[in-house]
Amino acid sequence: MLDPAPADQRDPRTTSGPRGEAALRGWALALACAAIVMALDQVTKQIAVAAVDPGHPVQIIFGIEIANVRNNGVAFGLLGGGGDVVVVITIATMALLLAYFAVHADRPGLWLVVGLVIGGALGNLADRVRLGGAIDFIDPPLWPAFNLADVAIVGGVIWLALTLLSQELPHDGRS
């Protein structure tokens, strides 16, 4: 059956028309990105755990150490010991981001934000469920230890902020 609405007026959540195809492509790219981020995060954490004993970090360069520590809170140890609260906050945040993406999946580049944030969140969530805390292994001086999932989450949030801030304000025709 043909869709009588012009292509630019179709519901972007449908798969018919250019916007629907862009949305499907966005979902596929976001899923692939999230899978890659989560896999890289988990592999690098396991390498660090196998190579470094807890409490005995290894100096790399410029004061940066590879460590084997657990973070049972959120970013920078906030809500440390939060347990189930941290898991609920993580799941709720992912749900909100996915709901936003469901409406805007055809937006260019938004798939990268979703892939980075969801992949990183799932990587840390897997650690929390399995071990009670995220494995952090990159430990620079004067900064809390972190992991690749944290890098992906922060990068995704920054990309989202820049994307939202770069949207043109509506022009009402008045000068």
N, C-alpha and C. Protein backbone atom coordinates (compact mmCIF):
# COMPACT_ATOMS: atom_id res chain seq x y z
N MET A 1 0.84 -1.18 0.00
CA MET A 1 0.00 0.00 0.00
C MET A 1 0.89 1.25 0.00
N LEU A 2 0.54 2.21 -0.79
CA LEU A 2 1.31 3.44 -0.89
C LEU A 2 0.94 4.38 0.24
N ASP A 3 1.92 5.11 0.72
CA ASP A 3 1.69 6.11 1.76
C ASP A 3 1.31 7.42 1.05
N PRO A 4 0.09 7.94 1.29
CA PRO A 4 -0.34 9.14 0.57
C PRO A 4 0.36 10.42 1.03
N ALA A 5 0.98 10.41 2.21
CA ALA A 5 1.65 11.62 2.70
C ALA A 5 2.97 11.82 1.96
N PRO A 6 3.30 13.08 1.67
CA PRO A 6 4.61 13.34 1.06
C PRO A 6 5.71 12.82 1.97
N ALA A 7 6.85 12.48 1.38
CA ALA A 7 7.95 11.87 2.12
C ALA A 7 8.38 12.70 3.32
N ASP A 8 8.35 14.04 3.20
CA ASP A 8 8.81 14.87 4.30
C ASP A 8 7.78 15.00 5.42
N GLN A 9 6.56 14.44 5.23
CA GLN A 9 5.53 14.52 6.26
C GLN A 9 5.21 13.16 6.86
N ARG A 10 5.90 12.12 6.46
CA ARG A 10 5.65 10.79 7.00
C ARG A 10 6.17 10.70 8.43
N ASP A 11 5.59 9.80 9.17
CA ASP A 11 6.03 9.54 10.53
C ASP A 11 7.44 8.95 10.47
N PRO A 12 8.44 9.59 11.10
CA PRO A 12 9.81 9.10 11.02
C PRO A 12 10.01 7.75 11.69
N ARG A 13 9.06 7.31 12.50
CA ARG A 13 9.20 6.02 13.17
C ARG A 13 8.79 4.86 12.29
N THR A 14 8.23 5.15 11.12
CA THR A 14 7.88 4.08 10.19
C THR A 14 9.09 3.76 9.34
N THR A 15 9.05 2.64 8.66
CA THR A 15 10.20 2.25 7.84
C THR A 15 10.04 2.68 6.40
N SER A 16 8.91 3.31 6.05
CA SER A 16 8.74 3.73 4.67
C SER A 16 9.27 5.15 4.49
N GLY A 17 9.87 5.39 3.37
CA GLY A 17 10.37 6.73 3.06
C GLY A 17 11.78 6.95 3.55
N PRO A 18 12.37 8.05 3.12
CA PRO A 18 13.77 8.34 3.44
C PRO A 18 14.03 8.52 4.93
N ARG A 19 13.11 9.13 5.67
CA ARG A 19 13.34 9.33 7.10
C ARG A 19 13.29 8.01 7.84
N GLY A 20 12.39 7.13 7.43
CA GLY A 20 12.32 5.81 8.06
C GLY A 20 13.55 4.99 7.79
N GLU A 21 14.06 5.08 6.57
CA GLU A 21 15.29 4.36 6.23
C GLU A 21 16.47 4.93 7.00
N ALA A 22 16.50 6.25 7.17
CA ALA A 22 17.57 6.88 7.96
C ALA A 22 17.48 6.45 9.42
N ALA A 23 16.27 6.31 9.93
CA ALA A 23 16.08 5.88 11.31
C ALA A 23 16.57 4.44 11.49
N LEU A 24 16.21 3.58 10.55
CA LEU A 24 16.67 2.18 10.64
C LEU A 24 18.20 2.11 10.58
N ARG A 25 18.77 2.90 9.71
CA ARG A 25 20.24 2.95 9.59
C ARG A 25 20.83 3.47 10.89
N GLY A 26 20.20 4.48 11.49
CA GLY A 26 20.67 5.03 12.77
C GLY A 26 20.66 3.98 13.87
N TRP A 27 19.58 3.20 13.95
CA TRP A 27 19.49 2.13 14.95
C TRP A 27 20.57 1.08 14.72
N ALA A 28 20.79 0.70 13.47
CA ALA A 28 21.80 -0.31 13.16
C ALA A 28 23.19 0.19 13.55
N LEU A 29 23.49 1.44 13.21
CA LEU A 29 24.80 2.00 13.54
C LEU A 29 24.98 2.15 15.06
N ALA A 30 23.92 2.58 15.75
CA ALA A 30 23.99 2.72 17.21
C ALA A 30 24.24 1.36 17.86
N LEU A 31 23.54 0.35 17.39
CA LEU A 31 23.72 -1.00 17.94
C LEU A 31 25.14 -1.50 17.70
N ALA A 32 25.65 -1.31 16.49
CA ALA A 32 27.01 -1.75 16.18
C ALA A 32 28.03 -1.00 17.03
N CYS A 33 27.87 0.30 17.17
CA CYS A 33 28.78 1.12 17.97
C CYS A 33 28.75 0.66 19.43
N ALA A 34 27.55 0.46 19.98
CA ALA A 34 27.41 0.02 21.37
C ALA A 34 28.08 -1.32 21.58
N ALA A 35 27.91 -2.23 20.65
CA ALA A 35 28.53 -3.56 20.76
C ALA A 35 30.05 -3.46 20.75
N ILE A 36 30.59 -2.63 19.87
CA ILE A 36 32.05 -2.45 19.78
C ILE A 36 32.59 -1.82 21.05
N VAL A 37 31.90 -0.78 21.55
CA VAL A 37 32.35 -0.11 22.77
C VAL A 37 32.34 -1.09 23.94
N MET A 38 31.24 -1.83 24.08
CA MET A 38 31.15 -2.77 25.20
C MET A 38 32.22 -3.86 25.10
N ALA A 39 32.43 -4.38 23.91
CA ALA A 39 33.44 -5.43 23.73
C ALA A 39 34.85 -4.91 24.05
N LEU A 40 35.20 -3.75 23.51
CA LEU A 40 36.53 -3.17 23.80
C LEU A 40 36.70 -2.89 25.29
N ASP A 41 35.64 -2.38 25.91
CA ASP A 41 35.68 -2.10 27.34
C ASP A 41 35.94 -3.37 28.14
N GLN A 42 35.17 -4.41 27.86
CA GLN A 42 35.31 -5.65 28.61
C GLN A 42 36.67 -6.31 28.38
N VAL A 43 37.15 -6.30 27.15
CA VAL A 43 38.45 -6.91 26.85
C VAL A 43 39.57 -6.15 27.56
N THR A 44 39.56 -4.82 27.49
CA THR A 44 40.64 -4.06 28.13
C THR A 44 40.61 -4.22 29.64
N LYS A 45 39.42 -4.31 30.22
CA LYS A 45 39.33 -4.52 31.67
C LYS A 45 39.91 -5.88 32.05
N GLN A 46 39.62 -6.90 31.28
CA GLN A 46 40.14 -8.23 31.60
C GLN A 46 41.65 -8.29 31.43
N ILE A 47 42.18 -7.58 30.46
CA ILE A 47 43.64 -7.50 30.29
C ILE A 47 44.26 -6.85 31.52
N ALA A 48 43.67 -5.75 31.98
CA ALA A 48 44.20 -5.05 33.15
C ALA A 48 44.10 -5.92 34.41
N VAL A 49 42.99 -6.60 34.60
CA VAL A 49 42.82 -7.47 35.77
C VAL A 49 43.84 -8.60 35.75
N ALA A 50 44.10 -9.16 34.57
CA ALA A 50 45.06 -10.26 34.46
C ALA A 50 46.50 -9.79 34.66
N ALA A 51 46.78 -8.53 34.31
CA ALA A 51 48.16 -8.04 34.34
C ALA A 51 48.54 -7.34 35.63
N VAL A 52 47.55 -6.84 36.38
CA VAL A 52 47.85 -6.00 37.54
C VAL A 52 47.12 -6.52 38.77
N ASP A 53 47.87 -6.73 39.84
CA ASP A 53 47.26 -7.13 41.11
C ASP A 53 46.62 -5.93 41.77
N PRO A 54 45.47 -6.11 42.43
CA PRO A 54 44.86 -4.99 43.17
C PRO A 54 45.85 -4.40 44.18
N GLY A 55 45.90 -3.08 44.22
CA GLY A 55 46.80 -2.40 45.15
C GLY A 55 48.24 -2.30 44.68
N HIS A 56 48.55 -2.80 43.48
CA HIS A 56 49.91 -2.73 42.95
C HIS A 56 49.89 -2.19 41.52
N PRO A 57 49.59 -0.91 41.35
CA PRO A 57 49.53 -0.34 40.00
C PRO A 57 50.88 -0.36 39.31
N VAL A 58 50.83 -0.35 37.99
CA VAL A 58 52.04 -0.37 37.18
C VAL A 58 52.18 0.99 36.50
N GLN A 59 53.34 1.61 36.71
CA GLN A 59 53.63 2.93 36.11
C GLN A 59 53.79 2.77 34.60
N ILE A 60 53.12 3.61 33.82
CA ILE A 60 53.23 3.55 32.36
C ILE A 60 54.08 4.71 31.85
N ILE A 61 53.53 5.93 31.90
CA ILE A 61 54.24 7.11 31.39
C ILE A 61 53.63 8.37 32.01
N PHE A 62 54.46 9.36 32.27
CA PHE A 62 54.01 10.66 32.79
C PHE A 62 53.12 10.52 34.03
N GLY A 63 53.41 9.57 34.88
CA GLY A 63 52.64 9.38 36.11
C GLY A 63 51.35 8.59 35.94
N ILE A 64 51.01 8.24 34.72
CA ILE A 64 49.80 7.45 34.48
C ILE A 64 50.10 6.00 34.83
N GLU A 65 49.19 5.41 35.58
CA GLU A 65 49.36 4.02 36.01
C GLU A 65 48.22 3.16 35.46
N ILE A 66 48.53 1.89 35.29
CA ILE A 66 47.50 0.89 35.02
C ILE A 66 47.23 0.24 36.36
N ALA A 67 45.99 0.30 36.79
CA ALA A 67 45.61 -0.17 38.11
C ALA A 67 44.54 -1.25 37.98
N ASN A 68 44.15 -1.79 39.10
CA ASN A 68 43.09 -2.78 39.17
C ASN A 68 42.23 -2.42 40.37
N VAL A 69 41.29 -1.49 40.14
CA VAL A 69 40.44 -1.00 41.22
C VAL A 69 38.96 -1.17 40.85
N ARG A 70 38.10 -1.13 41.86
CA ARG A 70 36.65 -1.22 41.65
C ARG A 70 36.01 0.09 42.06
N ASN A 71 35.05 0.52 41.26
CA ASN A 71 34.27 1.71 41.55
C ASN A 71 32.83 1.24 41.74
N ASN A 72 32.34 1.28 42.98
CA ASN A 72 30.98 0.84 43.22
C ASN A 72 29.98 2.00 43.20
N GLY A 73 30.43 3.15 42.74
CA GLY A 73 29.55 4.30 42.58
C GLY A 73 29.37 4.61 41.10
N VAL A 74 29.02 5.85 40.82
CA VAL A 74 28.93 6.29 39.42
C VAL A 74 30.21 7.05 39.12
N ALA A 75 30.18 7.97 38.19
CA ALA A 75 31.39 8.69 37.78
C ALA A 75 32.11 9.28 38.99
N PHE A 76 33.42 9.07 39.02
CA PHE A 76 34.31 9.62 40.04
C PHE A 76 33.95 9.13 41.44
N GLY A 77 33.29 7.98 41.55
CA GLY A 77 32.96 7.39 42.84
C GLY A 77 31.75 7.99 43.52
N LEU A 78 31.06 8.93 42.86
CA LEU A 78 29.84 9.48 43.46
C LEU A 78 28.84 8.36 43.69
N LEU A 79 28.07 8.46 44.73
CA LEU A 79 27.10 7.43 45.13
C LEU A 79 27.79 6.10 45.44
N GLY A 80 29.03 6.17 45.88
CA GLY A 80 29.77 4.97 46.24
C GLY A 80 28.98 4.14 47.23
N GLY A 81 28.91 2.86 47.01
CA GLY A 81 28.14 1.96 47.86
C GLY A 81 26.65 2.02 47.58
N GLY A 82 26.27 2.70 46.50
CA GLY A 82 24.86 2.86 46.16
C GLY A 82 24.18 1.58 45.72
N GLY A 83 24.96 0.58 45.31
CA GLY A 83 24.42 -0.73 44.93
C GLY A 83 23.30 -0.66 43.92
N ASP A 84 22.12 -1.07 44.35
CA ASP A 84 20.96 -1.13 43.45
C ASP A 84 20.55 0.24 42.93
N VAL A 85 20.80 1.28 43.72
CA VAL A 85 20.45 2.64 43.28
C VAL A 85 21.23 3.00 42.02
N VAL A 86 22.51 2.64 42.00
CA VAL A 86 23.36 2.92 40.84
C VAL A 86 22.85 2.17 39.61
N VAL A 87 22.46 0.92 39.80
CA VAL A 87 21.94 0.11 38.69
C VAL A 87 20.64 0.73 38.17
N VAL A 88 19.74 1.14 39.06
CA VAL A 88 18.47 1.74 38.65
C VAL A 88 18.70 3.06 37.92
N ILE A 89 19.60 3.89 38.42
CA ILE A 89 19.91 5.16 37.76
C ILE A 89 20.48 4.90 36.36
N THR A 90 21.36 3.92 36.25
CA THR A 90 21.96 3.58 34.95
C THR A 90 20.88 3.13 33.97
N ILE A 91 20.02 2.23 34.39
CA ILE A 91 18.96 1.72 33.51
C ILE A 91 17.98 2.83 33.13
N ALA A 92 17.62 3.67 34.08
CA ALA A 92 16.68 4.77 33.79
C ALA A 92 17.30 5.76 32.80
N THR A 93 18.57 6.06 32.97
CA THR A 93 19.25 6.98 32.06
C THR A 93 19.32 6.40 30.65
N MET A 94 19.64 5.10 30.56
CA MET A 94 19.68 4.46 29.24
C MET A 94 18.30 4.48 28.60
N ALA A 95 17.26 4.23 29.39
CA ALA A 95 15.89 4.23 28.85
C ALA A 95 15.51 5.61 28.31
N LEU A 96 15.87 6.66 29.04
CA LEU A 96 15.58 8.02 28.56
C LEU A 96 16.31 8.33 27.26
N LEU A 97 17.57 7.95 27.19
CA LEU A 97 18.35 8.20 25.96
C LEU A 97 17.76 7.41 24.80
N LEU A 98 17.40 6.16 25.02
CA LEU A 98 16.81 5.35 23.95
C LEU A 98 15.45 5.88 23.52
N ALA A 99 14.66 6.41 24.47
CA ALA A 99 13.37 7.00 24.11
C ALA A 99 13.58 8.24 23.24
N TYR A 100 14.56 9.07 23.61
CA TYR A 100 14.88 10.24 22.79
C TYR A 100 15.33 9.81 21.40
N PHE A 101 16.16 8.78 21.34
CA PHE A 101 16.67 8.30 20.07
C PHE A 101 15.54 7.70 19.22
N ALA A 102 14.58 7.05 19.85
CA ALA A 102 13.46 6.46 19.11
C ALA A 102 12.71 7.52 18.31
N VAL A 103 12.66 8.72 18.84
CA VAL A 103 11.96 9.81 18.16
C VAL A 103 12.87 10.51 17.15
N HIS A 104 14.17 10.50 17.39
CA HIS A 104 15.11 11.26 16.56
C HIS A 104 16.17 10.39 15.89
N ALA A 105 15.89 9.13 15.67
CA ALA A 105 16.89 8.19 15.14
C ALA A 105 17.38 8.56 13.74
N ASP A 106 16.62 9.37 13.03
CA ASP A 106 17.03 9.75 11.68
C ASP A 106 17.98 10.95 11.68
N ARG A 107 18.26 11.53 12.86
CA ARG A 107 19.18 12.67 12.92
C ARG A 107 20.61 12.23 12.67
N PRO A 108 21.28 12.87 11.75
CA PRO A 108 22.66 12.49 11.44
C PRO A 108 23.56 12.58 12.68
N GLY A 109 24.34 11.55 12.90
CA GLY A 109 25.31 11.54 13.98
C GLY A 109 24.79 11.18 15.36
N LEU A 110 23.48 11.20 15.55
CA LEU A 110 22.94 10.88 16.87
C LEU A 110 23.20 9.42 17.23
N TRP A 111 23.33 8.57 16.22
CA TRP A 111 23.63 7.16 16.47
C TRP A 111 24.93 7.00 17.22
N LEU A 112 25.90 7.89 16.95
CA LEU A 112 27.20 7.80 17.62
C LEU A 112 27.05 8.11 19.11
N VAL A 113 26.29 9.12 19.44
CA VAL A 113 26.02 9.46 20.85
C VAL A 113 25.42 8.25 21.55
N VAL A 114 24.37 7.69 20.97
CA VAL A 114 23.67 6.56 21.57
C VAL A 114 24.60 5.35 21.69
N GLY A 115 25.34 5.06 20.65
CA GLY A 115 26.24 3.92 20.69
C GLY A 115 27.31 4.06 21.76
N LEU A 116 27.91 5.24 21.87
CA LEU A 116 28.94 5.46 22.87
C LEU A 116 28.39 5.36 24.29
N VAL A 117 27.29 6.06 24.54
CA VAL A 117 26.74 6.09 25.90
C VAL A 117 26.17 4.73 26.30
N ILE A 118 25.38 4.13 25.43
CA ILE A 118 24.77 2.84 25.77
C ILE A 118 25.84 1.75 25.88
N GLY A 119 26.80 1.72 24.97
CA GLY A 119 27.88 0.74 25.05
C GLY A 119 28.69 0.89 26.32
N GLY A 120 29.03 2.11 26.66
CA GLY A 120 29.78 2.35 27.91
C GLY A 120 28.97 2.01 29.14
N ALA A 121 27.71 2.41 29.14
CA ALA A 121 26.85 2.11 30.30
C ALA A 121 26.67 0.60 30.47
N LEU A 122 26.48 -0.11 29.37
CA LEU A 122 26.33 -1.57 29.46
C LEU A 122 27.62 -2.24 29.92
N GLY A 123 28.78 -1.71 29.49
CA GLY A 123 30.05 -2.25 29.95
C GLY A 123 30.22 -2.13 31.45
N ASN A 124 29.94 -0.95 31.98
CA ASN A 124 30.04 -0.76 33.43
C ASN A 124 28.94 -1.50 34.18
N LEU A 125 27.75 -1.55 33.60
CA LEU A 125 26.63 -2.27 34.24
C LEU A 125 26.95 -3.77 34.35
N ALA A 126 27.57 -4.32 33.33
CA ALA A 126 27.96 -5.74 33.38
C ALA A 126 28.90 -5.99 34.55
N ASP A 127 29.85 -5.08 34.76
CA ASP A 127 30.77 -5.22 35.91
C ASP A 127 30.02 -5.12 37.23
N ARG A 128 29.12 -4.15 37.32
CA ARG A 128 28.37 -3.93 38.57
C ARG A 128 27.55 -5.16 38.94
N VAL A 129 26.89 -5.74 37.95
CA VAL A 129 26.05 -6.91 38.20
C VAL A 129 26.92 -8.11 38.57
N ARG A 130 28.03 -8.27 37.84
CA ARG A 130 28.90 -9.44 38.04
C ARG A 130 29.80 -9.30 39.27
N LEU A 131 30.33 -8.08 39.52
CA LEU A 131 31.36 -7.90 40.54
C LEU A 131 31.00 -6.92 41.65
N GLY A 132 29.89 -6.22 41.51
CA GLY A 132 29.50 -5.24 42.52
C GLY A 132 30.09 -3.86 42.28
N GLY A 133 30.91 -3.70 41.26
CA GLY A 133 31.49 -2.40 40.94
C GLY A 133 32.19 -2.46 39.59
N ALA A 134 32.33 -1.30 38.97
CA ALA A 134 33.00 -1.23 37.67
C ALA A 134 34.51 -1.36 37.86
N ILE A 135 35.15 -2.05 36.93
CA ILE A 135 36.61 -2.18 36.95
C ILE A 135 37.19 -0.92 36.32
N ASP A 136 37.99 -0.19 37.10
CA ASP A 136 38.71 0.97 36.58
C ASP A 136 40.19 0.62 36.53
N PHE A 137 40.85 1.04 35.46
CA PHE A 137 42.26 0.65 35.33
C PHE A 137 43.17 1.75 34.82
N ILE A 138 42.65 2.80 34.26
CA ILE A 138 43.48 3.92 33.81
C ILE A 138 43.52 4.92 34.96
N ASP A 139 44.69 5.13 35.52
CA ASP A 139 44.79 5.94 36.74
C ASP A 139 45.82 7.06 36.56
N PRO A 140 45.36 8.21 36.05
CA PRO A 140 46.27 9.35 35.89
C PRO A 140 46.48 10.07 37.22
N PRO A 141 47.56 10.85 37.32
CA PRO A 141 47.76 11.61 38.56
C PRO A 141 46.69 12.69 38.69
N LEU A 142 46.30 12.93 39.92
CA LEU A 142 45.34 14.00 40.25
C LEU A 142 43.96 13.81 39.62
N TRP A 143 43.60 12.59 39.29
CA TRP A 143 42.30 12.32 38.68
C TRP A 143 41.88 10.91 39.10
N PRO A 144 40.59 10.68 39.33
CA PRO A 144 40.18 9.33 39.70
C PRO A 144 40.41 8.33 38.55
N ALA A 145 40.63 7.08 38.91
CA ALA A 145 40.81 6.02 37.91
C ALA A 145 39.52 5.89 37.09
N PHE A 146 39.69 5.44 35.84
CA PHE A 146 38.54 5.27 34.96
C PHE A 146 38.82 4.14 33.99
N ASN A 147 37.90 3.92 33.05
CA ASN A 147 38.04 2.83 32.07
C ASN A 147 37.54 3.31 30.71
N LEU A 148 37.59 2.45 29.71
CA LEU A 148 37.15 2.85 28.37
C LEU A 148 35.65 3.13 28.31
N ALA A 149 34.86 2.43 29.12
CA ALA A 149 33.42 2.71 29.16
C ALA A 149 33.19 4.15 29.61
N ASP A 150 33.94 4.59 30.61
CA ASP A 150 33.80 5.97 31.09
C ASP A 150 34.17 6.98 30.00
N VAL A 151 35.22 6.67 29.26
CA VAL A 151 35.63 7.55 28.15
C VAL A 151 34.51 7.64 27.11
N ALA A 152 33.92 6.51 26.78
CA ALA A 152 32.84 6.49 25.79
C ALA A 152 31.62 7.27 26.29
N ILE A 153 31.27 7.10 27.56
CA ILE A 153 30.11 7.80 28.12
C ILE A 153 30.35 9.31 28.11
N VAL A 154 31.49 9.73 28.60
CA VAL A 154 31.79 11.17 28.63
C VAL A 154 31.85 11.74 27.22
N GLY A 155 32.50 11.03 26.31
CA GLY A 155 32.55 11.48 24.91
C GLY A 155 31.17 11.57 24.31
N GLY A 156 30.32 10.59 24.57
CA GLY A 156 28.95 10.61 24.04
C GLY A 156 28.13 11.75 24.61
N VAL A 157 28.27 12.01 25.90
CA VAL A 157 27.53 13.12 26.52
C VAL A 157 28.00 14.46 25.98
N ILE A 158 29.30 14.62 25.80
CA ILE A 158 29.82 15.87 25.22
C ILE A 158 29.31 16.03 23.79
N TRP A 159 29.34 14.94 23.02
CA TRP A 159 28.85 14.99 21.64
C TRP A 159 27.36 15.36 21.62
N LEU A 160 26.58 14.80 22.54
CA LEU A 160 25.15 15.11 22.63
C LEU A 160 24.94 16.59 22.96
N ALA A 161 25.70 17.08 23.93
CA ALA A 161 25.57 18.49 24.31
C ALA A 161 25.91 19.40 23.13
N LEU A 162 26.99 19.08 22.43
CA LEU A 162 27.37 19.90 21.27
C LEU A 162 26.31 19.81 20.17
N THR A 163 25.74 18.62 19.98
CA THR A 163 24.69 18.44 18.97
C THR A 163 23.47 19.27 19.32
N LEU A 164 23.05 19.21 20.57
CA LEU A 164 21.86 19.96 20.98
C LEU A 164 22.10 21.46 20.96
N LEU A 165 23.30 21.88 21.34
CA LEU A 165 23.61 23.31 21.33
C LEU A 165 23.78 23.87 19.92
N SER A 166 24.14 23.01 18.97
CA SER A 166 24.37 23.48 17.62
C SER A 166 23.10 23.58 16.79
N GLN A 167 21.98 23.13 17.34
CA GLN A 167 20.73 23.24 16.60
C GLN A 167 20.41 24.72 16.41
N GLU A 168 19.96 25.02 15.22
CA GLU A 168 19.58 26.41 14.95
C GLU A 168 18.32 26.75 15.72
N LEU A 169 18.30 27.96 16.25
CA LEU A 169 17.08 28.43 16.89
C LEU A 169 16.03 28.70 15.81
N PRO A 170 14.76 28.45 16.11
CA PRO A 170 13.72 28.69 15.10
C PRO A 170 13.71 30.17 14.71
N HIS A 171 13.55 30.39 13.43
CA HIS A 171 13.50 31.76 12.90
C HIS A 171 12.06 32.08 12.58
N ASP A 172 11.52 33.13 13.21
CA ASP A 172 10.11 33.45 12.99
C ASP A 172 9.89 34.47 11.87
N GLY A 173 10.93 34.85 11.18
CA GLY A 173 10.78 35.74 10.04
C GLY A 173 10.88 37.22 10.42
N ARG A 174 10.85 37.53 11.71
CA ARG A 174 10.96 38.94 12.13
C ARG A 174 12.42 39.29 12.33
N SER A 175 12.79 40.50 12.01
CA SER A 175 14.17 40.93 12.20
C SER A 175 14.24 42.04 13.19
